[in-house]
Amino acid sequence: MKKRKRTPFFVSRREQKLQQQRSRTTANTLQNLDEL
């Protein structure tokens, strides 16, 4: 039970990190486009 509860937590954290990276990359691309 504990392991089952832990796995989703880590997965969600990993997803959050991926989302943050994606948001950062998108923001950078938007900034670059604005500069161009």
Protein backbone atom coordinates (compact mmCIF):
# COMPACT_ATOMS: atom_id res chain seq x y z
CA MET A 1 0.00 0.00 0.00
CA LYS A 2 2.75 2.46 0.89
CA LYS A 3 4.65 1.80 -2.32
CA ARG A 4 1.49 2.24 -4.38
CA LYS A 5 0.89 5.56 -2.65
CA ARG A 6 4.46 6.69 -3.21
CA THR A 7 4.71 5.96 -6.93
CA PRO A 8 1.97 8.41 -8.05
CA PHE A 9 3.50 11.14 -5.90
CA PHE A 10 6.88 10.79 -7.59
CA VAL A 11 5.22 10.55 -10.99
CA SER A 12 3.26 13.73 -10.34
CA ARG A 13 6.44 15.50 -9.22
CA ARG A 14 8.22 14.35 -12.36
CA GLU A 15 5.31 15.58 -14.46
CA GLN A 16 5.44 18.93 -12.67
CA LYS A 17 9.15 19.23 -13.42
CA LEU A 18 8.53 18.38 -17.08
CA GLN A 19 5.75 20.97 -17.23
CA GLN A 20 8.05 23.59 -15.69
CA GLN A 21 10.74 22.81 -18.26
CA ARG A 22 8.18 23.02 -21.07
CA SER A 23 6.81 26.33 -19.77
CA ARG A 24 10.35 27.72 -19.52
CA THR A 25 11.22 26.63 -23.06
CA THR A 26 7.96 28.07 -24.42
CA ALA A 27 8.60 31.35 -22.57
CA ASN A 28 12.13 31.51 -23.99
CA THR A 29 10.87 30.85 -27.52
CA LEU A 30 8.20 33.55 -27.13
CA GLN A 31 10.83 36.02 -25.88
CA ASN A 32 13.08 35.17 -28.83
CA LEU A 33 10.20 35.69 -31.25
CA ASP A 34 9.42 39.04 -29.62
CA GLU A 35 13.09 40.05 -29.93
CA LEU A 36 13.09 39.07 -33.61
